[in-house]
């Protein structure tokens, strides 16, 4: 198993973990409540809430990226690598 495949498996395990899902959902719900209840005149608080929501989204996106990178590697191995070995890949690029 390659490093990318191991990262993908670990990321999938995290995303599928019920404890992670519950914790992630609770934090997202808390931040949503803070965003709705935030005083619009308090720019510092509003900015902290927005940054927290963005960070939470980026964490999830990064885990998903590990999974997608491994999927793309697998597609490459199955479809593109044989073409490269046959010397056909260069023909397709031109």
PDB file of N, CA and C in Angstrom:
ATOM      1  N   UNK A   1       0.848  -1.170   0.000  1.00  0.00           N
ATOM      2  CA  UNK A   1       0.000   0.000   0.000  1.00  0.00           C
ATOM      3  C   UNK A   1       0.900   1.242   0.000  1.00  0.00           C
ATOM      4  N   UNK A   2       0.610   2.160  -0.925  1.00  0.00           N
ATOM      5  CA  UNK A   2       1.416   3.375  -1.033  1.00  0.00           C
ATOM      6  C   UNK A   2       1.072   4.345   0.101  1.00  0.00           C
ATOM      7  N   UNK A   3       1.898   5.350   0.225  1.00  0.00           N
ATOM      8  CA  UNK A   3       1.667   6.380   1.249  1.00  0.00           C
ATOM      9  C   UNK A   3       0.331   7.077   0.989  1.00  0.00           C
ATOM     10  N   UNK A   4       0.057   7.383  -0.283  1.00  0.00           N
ATOM     11  CA  UNK A   4      -1.199   8.048  -0.636  1.00  0.00           C
ATOM     12  C   UNK A   4      -2.407   7.176  -0.294  1.00  0.00           C
ATOM     13  N   UNK A   5      -2.279   5.879  -0.553  1.00  0.00           N
ATOM     14  CA  UNK A   5      -3.384   4.962  -0.247  1.00  0.00           C
ATOM     15  C   UNK A   5      -3.600   4.854   1.258  1.00  0.00           C
ATOM     16  N   UNK A   6      -2.512   4.848   2.019  1.00  0.00           N
ATOM     17  CA  UNK A   6      -2.630   4.787   3.478  1.00  0.00           C
ATOM     18  C   UNK A   6      -3.262   6.067   4.020  1.00  0.00           C
ATOM     19  N   UNK A   7      -2.838   7.214   3.494  1.00  0.00           N
ATOM     20  CA  UNK A   7      -3.450   8.485   3.903  1.00  0.00           C
ATOM     21  C   UNK A   7      -4.941   8.502   3.572  1.00  0.00           C
ATOM     22  N   UNK A   8      -5.271   8.001   2.392  1.00  0.00           N
ATOM     23  CA  UNK A   8      -6.676   7.959   1.980  1.00  0.00           C
ATOM     24  C   UNK A   8      -7.490   7.067   2.911  1.00  0.00           C
ATOM     25  N   UNK A   9      -6.949   5.915   3.244  1.00  0.00           N
ATOM     26  CA  UNK A   9      -7.656   5.004   4.142  1.00  0.00           C
ATOM     27  C   UNK A   9      -7.834   5.628   5.524  1.00  0.00           C
ATOM     28  N   UNK A  10      -6.776   6.258   6.024  1.00  0.00           N
ATOM     29  CA  UNK A  10      -6.863   6.927   7.327  1.00  0.00           C
ATOM     30  C   UNK A  10      -7.886   8.058   7.296  1.00  0.00           C
ATOM     31  N   UNK A  11      -7.870   8.849   6.221  1.00  0.00           N
ATOM     32  CA  UNK A  11      -8.825   9.949   6.093  1.00  0.00           C
ATOM     33  C   UNK A  11     -10.255   9.418   6.029  1.00  0.00           C
ATOM     34  N   UNK A  12     -10.451   8.333   5.272  1.00  0.00           N
ATOM     35  CA  UNK A  12     -11.791   7.736   5.178  1.00  0.00           C
ATOM     36  C   UNK A  12     -12.242   7.222   6.537  1.00  0.00           C
ATOM     37  N   UNK A  13     -11.327   6.607   7.282  1.00  0.00           N
ATOM     38  CA  UNK A  13     -11.667   6.124   8.620  1.00  0.00           C
ATOM     39  C   UNK A  13     -12.091   7.272   9.531  1.00  0.00           C
ATOM     40  N   UNK A  14     -11.390   8.394   9.428  1.00  0.00           N
ATOM     41  CA  UNK A  14     -11.742   9.564  10.244  1.00  0.00           C
ATOM     42  C   UNK A  14     -13.119  10.078   9.847  1.00  0.00           C
ATOM     43  N   UNK A  15     -13.336  10.266   8.543  1.00  0.00           N
ATOM     44  CA  UNK A  15     -14.617  10.812   8.082  1.00  0.00           C
ATOM     45  C   UNK A  15     -15.791   9.889   8.382  1.00  0.00           C
ATOM     46  N   UNK A  16     -15.535   8.589   8.397  1.00  0.00           N
ATOM     47  CA  UNK A  16     -16.604   7.622   8.672  1.00  0.00           C
ATOM     48  C   UNK A  16     -16.794   7.355  10.163  1.00  0.00           C
ATOM     49  N   UNK A  17     -15.872   7.833  10.983  1.00  0.00           N
ATOM     50  CA  UNK A  17     -15.929   7.574  12.422  1.00  0.00           C
ATOM     51  C   UNK A  17     -17.119   8.296  13.046  1.00  0.00           C
ATOM     52  N   UNK A  18     -18.007   7.571  13.752  1.00  0.00           N
ATOM     53  CA  UNK A  18     -19.192   8.203  14.329  1.00  0.00           C
ATOM     54  C   UNK A  18     -18.856   9.279  15.359  1.00  0.00           C
ATOM     55  N   UNK A  19     -17.785   9.089  16.116  1.00  0.00           N
ATOM     56  CA  UNK A  19     -17.396  10.090  17.111  1.00  0.00           C
ATOM     57  C   UNK A  19     -16.945  11.369  16.415  1.00  0.00           C
ATOM     58  N   UNK A  20     -16.153  11.217  15.340  1.00  0.00           N
ATOM     59  CA  UNK A  20     -15.715  12.388  14.588  1.00  0.00           C
ATOM     60  C   UNK A  20     -16.911  13.098  13.976  1.00  0.00           C
ATOM     61  N   UNK A  21     -17.820  12.336  13.369  1.00  0.00           N
ATOM     62  CA  UNK A  21     -19.008  12.940  12.762  1.00  0.00           C
ATOM     63  C   UNK A  21     -19.808  13.738  13.784  1.00  0.00           C
ATOM     64  N   UNK A  22     -19.989  13.153  14.961  1.00  0.00           N
ATOM     65  CA  UNK A  22     -20.765  13.819  16.002  1.00  0.00           C
ATOM     66  C   UNK A  22     -20.043  15.079  16.482  1.00  0.00           C
ATOM     67  N   UNK A  23     -18.744  14.973  16.723  1.00  0.00           N
ATOM     68  CA  UNK A  23     -17.965  16.126  17.189  1.00  0.00           C
ATOM     69  C   UNK A  23     -17.916  17.215  16.118  1.00  0.00           C
ATOM     70  N   UNK A  24     -17.672  16.825  14.886  1.00  0.00           N
ATOM     71  CA  UNK A  24     -17.602  17.781  13.788  1.00  0.00           C
ATOM     72  C   UNK A  24     -18.941  18.498  13.625  1.00  0.00           C
ATOM     73  N   UNK A  25     -20.019  17.729  13.674  1.00  0.00           N
ATOM     74  CA  UNK A  25     -21.361  18.309  13.559  1.00  0.00           C
ATOM     75  C   UNK A  25     -21.675  19.258  14.704  1.00  0.00           C
ATOM     76  N   UNK A  26     -21.255  18.887  15.914  1.00  0.00           N
ATOM     77  CA  UNK A  26     -21.506  19.742  17.080  1.00  0.00           C
ATOM     78  C   UNK A  26     -20.756  21.063  16.953  1.00  0.00           C
ATOM     79  N   UNK A  27     -19.518  21.008  16.508  1.00  0.00           N
ATOM     80  CA  UNK A  27     -18.741  22.246  16.328  1.00  0.00           C
ATOM     81  C   UNK A  27     -19.358  23.098  15.221  1.00  0.00           C
ATOM     82  N   UNK A  28     -19.734  22.474  14.118  1.00  0.00           N
ATOM     83  CA  UNK A  28     -20.356  23.211  13.016  1.00  0.00           C
ATOM     84  C   UNK A  28     -21.663  23.864  13.474  1.00  0.00           C
ATOM     85  N   UNK A  29     -22.454  23.122  14.229  1.00  0.00           N
ATOM     86  CA  UNK A  29     -23.720  23.665  14.741  1.00  0.00           C
ATOM     87  C   UNK A  29     -23.473  24.824  15.712  1.00  0.00           C
ATOM     88  N   UNK A  30     -22.478  24.673  16.576  1.00  0.00           N
ATOM     89  CA  UNK A  30     -22.132  25.731  17.523  1.00  0.00           C
ATOM     90  C   UNK A  30     -21.714  27.001  16.778  1.00  0.00           C
ATOM     91  N   UNK A  31     -20.846  26.836  15.775  1.00  0.00           N
ATOM     92  CA  UNK A  31     -20.385  27.997  15.012  1.00  0.00           C
ATOM     93  C   UNK A  31     -21.522  28.640  14.229  1.00  0.00           C
ATOM     94  N   UNK A  32     -22.434  27.840  13.734  1.00  0.00           N
ATOM     95  CA  UNK A  32     -23.591  28.391  13.013  1.00  0.00           C
ATOM     96  C   UNK A  32     -24.447  29.223  13.964  1.00  0.00           C
ATOM     97  N   UNK A  33     -24.640  28.709  15.175  1.00  0.00           N
ATOM     98  CA  UNK A  33     -25.389  29.466  16.180  1.00  0.00           C
ATOM     99  C   UNK A  33     -24.696  30.765  16.540  1.00  0.00           C
ATOM    100  N   UNK A  34     -23.366  30.710  16.663  1.00  0.00           N
ATOM    101  CA  UNK A  34     -22.601  31.923  16.956  1.00  0.00           C
ATOM    102  C   UNK A  34     -22.709  32.919  15.806  1.00  0.00           C
ATOM    103  N   UNK A  35     -22.698  32.440  14.581  1.00  0.00           N
ATOM    104  CA  UNK A  35     -22.791  33.325  13.422  1.00  0.00           C
ATOM    105  C   UNK A  35     -24.150  34.013  13.377  1.00  0.00           C
ATOM    106  N   UNK A  36     -25.197  33.253  13.643  1.00  0.00           N
ATOM    107  CA  UNK A  36     -26.546  33.827  13.612  1.00  0.00           C
ATOM    108  C   UNK A  36     -26.742  34.819  14.755  1.00  0.00           C
ATOM    109  N   UNK A  37     -26.208  34.486  15.932  1.00  0.00           N
ATOM    110  CA  UNK A  37     -26.397  35.332  17.103  1.00  0.00           C
ATOM    111  C   UNK A  37     -25.354  36.416  17.287  1.00  0.00           C
ATOM    112  N   UNK A  38     -24.430  36.513  16.357  1.00  0.00           N
ATOM    113  CA  UNK A  38     -23.328  37.467  16.485  1.00  0.00           C
ATOM    114  C   UNK A  38     -23.822  38.899  16.285  1.00  0.00           C
ATOM    115  N   UNK A  39     -23.340  39.778  17.123  1.00  0.00           N
ATOM    116  CA  UNK A  39     -23.643  41.197  16.987  1.00  0.00           C
ATOM    117  C   UNK A  39     -22.893  41.717  15.763  1.00  0.00           C
ATOM    118  N   UNK A  40     -23.599  42.211  14.750  1.00  0.00           N
ATOM    119  CA  UNK A  40     -22.929  42.662  13.527  1.00  0.00           C
ATOM    120  C   UNK A  40     -21.981  43.846  13.756  1.00  0.00           C
ATOM    121  N   UNK A  41     -22.170  44.551  14.849  1.00  0.00           N
ATOM    122  CA  UNK A  41     -21.285  45.682  15.151  1.00  0.00           C
ATOM    123  C   UNK A  41     -19.967  45.223  15.774  1.00  0.00           C
ATOM    124  N   UNK A  42     -19.916  43.989  16.263  1.00  0.00           N
ATOM    125  CA  UNK A  42     -18.701  43.456  16.864  1.00  0.00           C
ATOM    126  C   UNK A  42     -17.902  42.734  15.768  1.00  0.00           C
ATOM    127  N   UNK A  43     -17.091  43.499  15.061  1.00  0.00           N
ATOM    128  CA  UNK A  43     -16.364  42.966  13.908  1.00  0.00           C
ATOM    129  C   UNK A  43     -15.356  41.897  14.301  1.00  0.00           C
ATOM    130  N   UNK A  44     -14.726  42.052  15.464  1.00  0.00           N
ATOM    131  CA  UNK A  44     -13.741  41.054  15.898  1.00  0.00           C
ATOM    132  C   UNK A  44     -14.398  39.700  16.131  1.00  0.00           C
ATOM    133  N   UNK A  45     -15.542  39.696  16.808  1.00  0.00           N
ATOM    134  CA  UNK A  45     -16.251  38.436  17.058  1.00  0.00           C
ATOM    135  C   UNK A  45     -16.728  37.817  15.750  1.00  0.00           C
ATOM    136  N   UNK A  46     -17.282  38.640  14.877  1.00  0.00           N
ATOM    137  CA  UNK A  46     -17.769  38.143  13.591  1.00  0.00           C
ATOM    138  C   UNK A  46     -16.625  37.532  12.781  1.00  0.00           C
ATOM    139  N   UNK A  47     -15.482  38.189  12.805  1.00  0.00           N
ATOM    140  CA  UNK A  47     -14.330  37.678  12.062  1.00  0.00           C
ATOM    141  C   UNK A  47     -13.842  36.355  12.643  1.00  0.00           C
ATOM    142  N   UNK A  48     -13.818  36.219  13.965  1.00  0.00           N
ATOM    143  CA  UNK A  48     -13.391  34.963  14.594  1.00  0.00           C
ATOM    144  C   UNK A  48     -14.335  33.820  14.228  1.00  0.00           C
ATOM    145  N   UNK A  49     -15.624  34.103  14.219  1.00  0.00           N
ATOM    146  CA  UNK A  49     -16.602  33.070  13.861  1.00  0.00           C
ATOM    147  C   UNK A  49     -16.408  32.645  12.411  1.00  0.00           C
ATOM    148  N   UNK A  50     -16.255  33.605  11.528  1.00  0.00           N
ATOM    149  CA  UNK A  50     -16.062  33.290  10.107  1.00  0.00           C
ATOM    150  C   UNK A  50     -14.781  32.487   9.898  1.00  0.00           C
ATOM    151  N   UNK A  51     -13.700  32.921  10.530  1.00  0.00           N
ATOM    152  CA  UNK A  51     -12.439  32.183  10.398  1.00  0.00           C
ATOM    153  C   UNK A  51     -12.559  30.763  10.951  1.00  0.00           C
ATOM    154  N   UNK A  52     -13.281  30.605  12.039  1.00  0.00           N
ATOM    155  CA  UNK A  52     -13.482  29.269  12.620  1.00  0.00           C
ATOM    156  C   UNK A  52     -14.276  28.383  11.676  1.00  0.00           C
ATOM    157  N   UNK A  53     -15.315  28.938  11.065  1.00  0.00           N
ATOM    158  CA  UNK A  53     -16.120  28.166  10.110  1.00  0.00           C
ATOM    159  C   UNK A  53     -15.280  27.786   8.891  1.00  0.00           C
ATOM    160  N   UNK A  54     -14.440  28.704   8.430  1.00  0.00           N
ATOM    161  CA  UNK A  54     -13.585  28.420   7.282  1.00  0.00           C
ATOM    162  C   UNK A  54     -12.573  27.327   7.628  1.00  0.00           C
ATOM    163  N   UNK A  55     -11.988  27.415   8.805  1.00  0.00           N
ATOM    164  CA  UNK A  55     -11.021  26.413   9.237  1.00  0.00           C
ATOM    165  C   UNK A  55     -11.666  25.028   9.315  1.00  0.00           C
ATOM    166  N   UNK A  56     -12.857  24.957   9.869  1.00  0.00           N
ATOM    167  CA  UNK A  56     -13.567  23.683   9.963  1.00  0.00           C
ATOM    168  C   UNK A  56     -13.817  23.101   8.564  1.00  0.00           C
ATOM    169  N   UNK A  57     -14.225  23.956   7.642  1.00  0.00           N
ATOM    170  CA  UNK A  57     -14.466  23.502   6.263  1.00  0.00           C
ATOM    171  C   UNK A  57     -13.168  23.035   5.608  1.00  0.00           C
ATOM    172  N   UNK A  58     -12.070  23.722   5.880  1.00  0.00           N
ATOM    173  CA  UNK A  58     -10.787  23.341   5.291  1.00  0.00           C
ATOM    174  C   UNK A  58     -10.278  22.013   5.849  1.00  0.00           C
ATOM    175  N   UNK A  59     -10.532  21.749   7.105  1.00  0.00           N
ATOM    176  CA  UNK A  59     -10.125  20.467   7.683  1.00  0.00           C
ATOM    177  C   UNK A  59     -10.831  19.325   6.954  1.00  0.00           C
ATOM    178  N   UNK A  60     -12.136  19.472   6.776  1.00  0.00           N
ATOM    179  CA  UNK A  60     -12.899  18.428   6.086  1.00  0.00           C
ATOM    180  C   UNK A  60     -12.447  18.305   4.629  1.00  0.00           C
ATOM    181  N   UNK A  61     -12.215  19.435   3.976  1.00  0.00           N
ATOM    182  CA  UNK A  61     -11.773  19.414   2.578  1.00  0.00           C
ATOM    183  C   UNK A  61     -10.412  18.731   2.441  1.00  0.00           C
ATOM    184  N   UNK A  62      -9.535  18.925   3.402  1.00  0.00           N
ATOM    185  CA  UNK A  62      -8.213  18.309   3.352  1.00  0.00           C
ATOM    186  C   UNK A  62      -8.326  16.787   3.484  1.00  0.00           C
ATOM    187  N   UNK A  63      -9.191  16.324   4.365  1.00  0.00           N
ATOM    188  CA  UNK A  63      -9.402  14.884   4.501  1.00  0.00           C
ATOM    189  C   UNK A  63      -9.959  14.301   3.206  1.00  0.00           C
ATOM    190  N   UNK A  64     -10.895  15.000   2.599  1.00  0.00           N
ATOM    191  CA  UNK A  64     -11.480  14.550   1.332  1.00  0.00           C
ATOM    192  C   UNK A  64     -10.421  14.558   0.231  1.00  0.00           C
ATOM    193  N   UNK A  65      -9.517  15.530   0.256  1.00  0.00           N
ATOM    194  CA  UNK A  65      -8.459  15.611  -0.757  1.00  0.00           C
ATOM    195  C   UNK A  65      -7.558  14.381  -0.709  1.00  0.00           C
ATOM    196  N   UNK A  66      -7.246  13.890   0.489  1.00  0.00           N
ATOM    197  CA  UNK A  66      -6.422  12.680   0.604  1.00  0.00           C
ATOM    198  C   UNK A  66      -7.096  11.505  -0.102  1.00  0.00           C
ATOM    199  N   UNK A  67      -8.396  11.395   0.079  1.00  0.00           N
ATOM    200  CA  UNK A  67      -9.158  10.302  -0.547  1.00  0.00           C
ATOM    201  C   UNK A  67      -9.150  10.468  -2.067  1.00  0.00           C
ATOM    202  N   UNK A  68      -9.409  11.683  -2.529  1.00  0.00           N
ATOM    203  CA  UNK A  68      -9.455  11.928  -3.971  1.00  0.00           C
ATOM    204  C   UNK A  68      -8.087  11.755  -4.628  1.00  0.00           C
ATOM    205  N   UNK A  69      -7.018  12.150  -3.940  1.00  0.00           N
ATOM    206  CA  UNK A  69      -5.671  11.964  -4.494  1.00  0.00           C
ATOM    207  C   UNK A  69      -5.378  10.483  -4.716  1.00  0.00           C
ATOM    208  N   UNK A  70      -5.756   9.650  -3.758  1.00  0.00           N
ATOM    209  CA  UNK A  70      -5.527   8.217  -3.897  1.00  0.00           C
ATOM    210  C   UNK A  70      -6.374   7.636  -5.029  1.00  0.00           C
ATOM    211  N   UNK A  71      -7.595   8.131  -5.182  1.00  0.00           N
ATOM    212  CA  UNK A  71      -8.451   7.669  -6.273  1.00  0.00           C
ATOM    213  C   UNK A  71      -7.845   8.050  -7.621  1.00  0.00           C
ATOM    214  N   UNK A  72      -7.307   9.259  -7.714  1.00  0.00           N
ATOM    215  CA  UNK A  72      -6.680   9.684  -8.968  1.00  0.00           C
ATOM    216  C   UNK A  72      -5.423   8.869  -9.259  1.00  0.00           C
ATOM    217  N   UNK A  73      -4.668   8.540  -8.220  1.00  0.00           N
ATOM    218  CA  UNK A  73      -3.486   7.702  -8.399  1.00  0.00           C
ATOM    219  C   UNK A  73      -3.897   6.332  -8.940  1.00  0.00           C
ATOM    220  N   UNK A  74      -4.982   5.785  -8.409  1.00  0.00           N
ATOM    221  CA  UNK A  74      -5.464   4.482  -8.858  1.00  0.00           C
ATOM    222  C   UNK A  74      -5.920   4.545 -10.317  1.00  0.00           C
ATOM    223  N   UNK A  75      -6.618   5.607 -10.680  1.00  0.00           N
ATOM    224  CA  UNK A  75      -7.054   5.791 -12.072  1.00  0.00           C
ATOM    225  C   UNK A  75      -5.840   5.885 -12.988  1.00  0.00           C
ATOM    226  N   UNK A  76      -4.836   6.625 -12.543  1.00  0.00           N
ATOM    227  CA  UNK A  76      -3.605   6.756 -13.328  1.00  0.00           C
ATOM    228  C   UNK A  76      -2.957   5.391 -13.544  1.00  0.00           C
ATOM    229  N   UNK A  77      -2.850   4.605 -12.466  1.00  0.00           N
ATOM    230  CA  UNK A  77      -2.204   3.290 -12.577  1.00  0.00           C
ATOM    231  C   UNK A  77      -2.958   2.387 -13.545  1.00  0.00           C
ATOM    232  N   UNK A  78      -4.273   2.441 -13.504  1.00  0.00           N
ATOM    233  CA  UNK A  78      -5.089   1.547 -14.328  1.00  0.00           C
ATOM    234  C   UNK A  78      -5.123   1.993 -15.784  1.00  0.00           C
ATOM    235  N   UNK A  79      -5.292   3.299 -16.022  1.00  0.00           N
ATOM    236  CA  UNK A  79      -5.554   3.761 -17.381  1.00  0.00           C
ATOM    237  C   UNK A  79      -4.363   4.408 -18.087  1.00  0.00           C
ATOM    238  N   UNK A  80      -3.603   5.207 -17.380  1.00  0.00           N
ATOM    239  CA  UNK A  80      -2.551   5.964 -18.044  1.00  0.00           C
ATOM    240  C   UNK A  80      -1.204   5.244 -18.078  1.00  0.00           C
ATOM    241  N   UNK A  81      -0.865   4.566 -17.016  1.00  0.00           N
ATOM    242  CA  UNK A  81       0.439   3.892 -16.938  1.00  0.00           C
ATOM    243  C   UNK A  81       0.624   2.883 -18.083  1.00  0.00           C
ATOM    244  N   UNK A  82      -0.395   2.047 -18.386  1.00  0.00           N
ATOM    245  CA  UNK A  82      -0.222   1.118 -19.518  1.00  0.00           C
ATOM    246  C   UNK A  82       0.014   1.842 -20.846  1.00  0.00           C
ATOM    247  N   UNK A  83      -0.619   2.993 -21.027  1.00  0.00           N
ATOM    248  CA  UNK A  83      -0.409   3.759 -22.256  1.00  0.00           C
ATOM    249  C   UNK A  83       1.014   4.300 -22.329  1.00  0.00           C
ATOM    250  N   UNK A  84       1.533   4.742 -21.174  1.00  0.00           N
ATOM    251  CA  UNK A  84       2.910   5.222 -21.129  1.00  0.00           C
ATOM    252  C   UNK A  84       3.887   4.104 -21.489  1.00  0.00           C
ATOM    253  N   UNK A  85       3.650   2.907 -20.958  1.00  0.00           N
ATOM    254  CA  UNK A  85       4.536   1.774 -21.217  1.00  0.00           C
ATOM    255  C   UNK A  85       4.537   1.400 -22.699  1.00  0.00           C
ATOM    256  N   UNK A  86       3.381   1.554 -23.333  1.00  0.00           N
ATOM    257  CA  UNK A  86       3.276   1.225 -24.755  1.00  0.00           C
ATOM    258  C   UNK A  86       3.753   2.369 -25.638  1.00  0.00           C
ATOM    259  N   UNK A  87       4.080   3.489 -25.042  1.00  0.00           N
ATOM    260  CA  UNK A  87       4.533   4.630 -25.819  1.00  0.00           C
ATOM    261  C   UNK A  87       3.394   5.396 -26.475  1.00  0.00           C
ATOM    262  N   UNK A  88       2.159   5.112 -26.066  1.00  0.00           N
ATOM    263  CA  UNK A  88       1.001   5.773 -26.666  1.00  0.00           C
ATOM    264  C   UNK A  88       0.664   7.094 -25.998  1.00  0.00           C
ATOM    265  N   UNK A  89       1.118   7.300 -24.799  1.00  0.00           N
ATOM    266  CA  UNK A  89       0.761   8.509 -24.061  1.00  0.00           C
ATOM    267  C   UNK A  89       1.306   9.745 -24.765  1.00  0.00           C
ATOM    268  N   UNK A  90       2.529   9.666 -25.260  1.00  0.00           N
ATOM    269  CA  UNK A  90       3.108  10.793 -25.985  1.00  0.00           C
ATOM    270  C   UNK A  90       2.302  11.144 -27.220  1.00  0.00           C
ATOM    271  N   UNK A  91       1.759  10.148 -27.892  1.00  0.00           N
ATOM    272  CA  UNK A  91       0.935  10.370 -29.063  1.00  0.00           C
ATOM    273  C   UNK A  91      -0.346  11.099 -28.703  1.00  0.00           C
ATOM    274  N   UNK A  92      -0.927  10.747 -27.540  1.00  0.00           N
ATOM    275  CA  UNK A  92      -2.174  11.380 -27.125  1.00  0.00           C
ATOM    276  C   UNK A  92      -1.981  12.852 -26.764  1.00  0.00           C
ATOM    277  N   UNK A  93      -0.841  13.188 -26.233  1.00  0.00           N
ATOM    278  CA  UNK A  93      -0.576  14.564 -25.817  1.00  0.00           C
ATOM    279  C   UNK A  93      -0.448  15.474 -27.029  1.00  0.00           C
ATOM    280  N   UNK A  94       0.113  14.982 -28.099  1.00  0.00           N
ATOM    281  CA  UNK A  94       0.350  15.809 -29.289  1.00  0.00           C
ATOM    282  C   UNK A  94      -0.899  16.054 -29.971  1.00  0.00           C
TER     283      UNK A  94
END
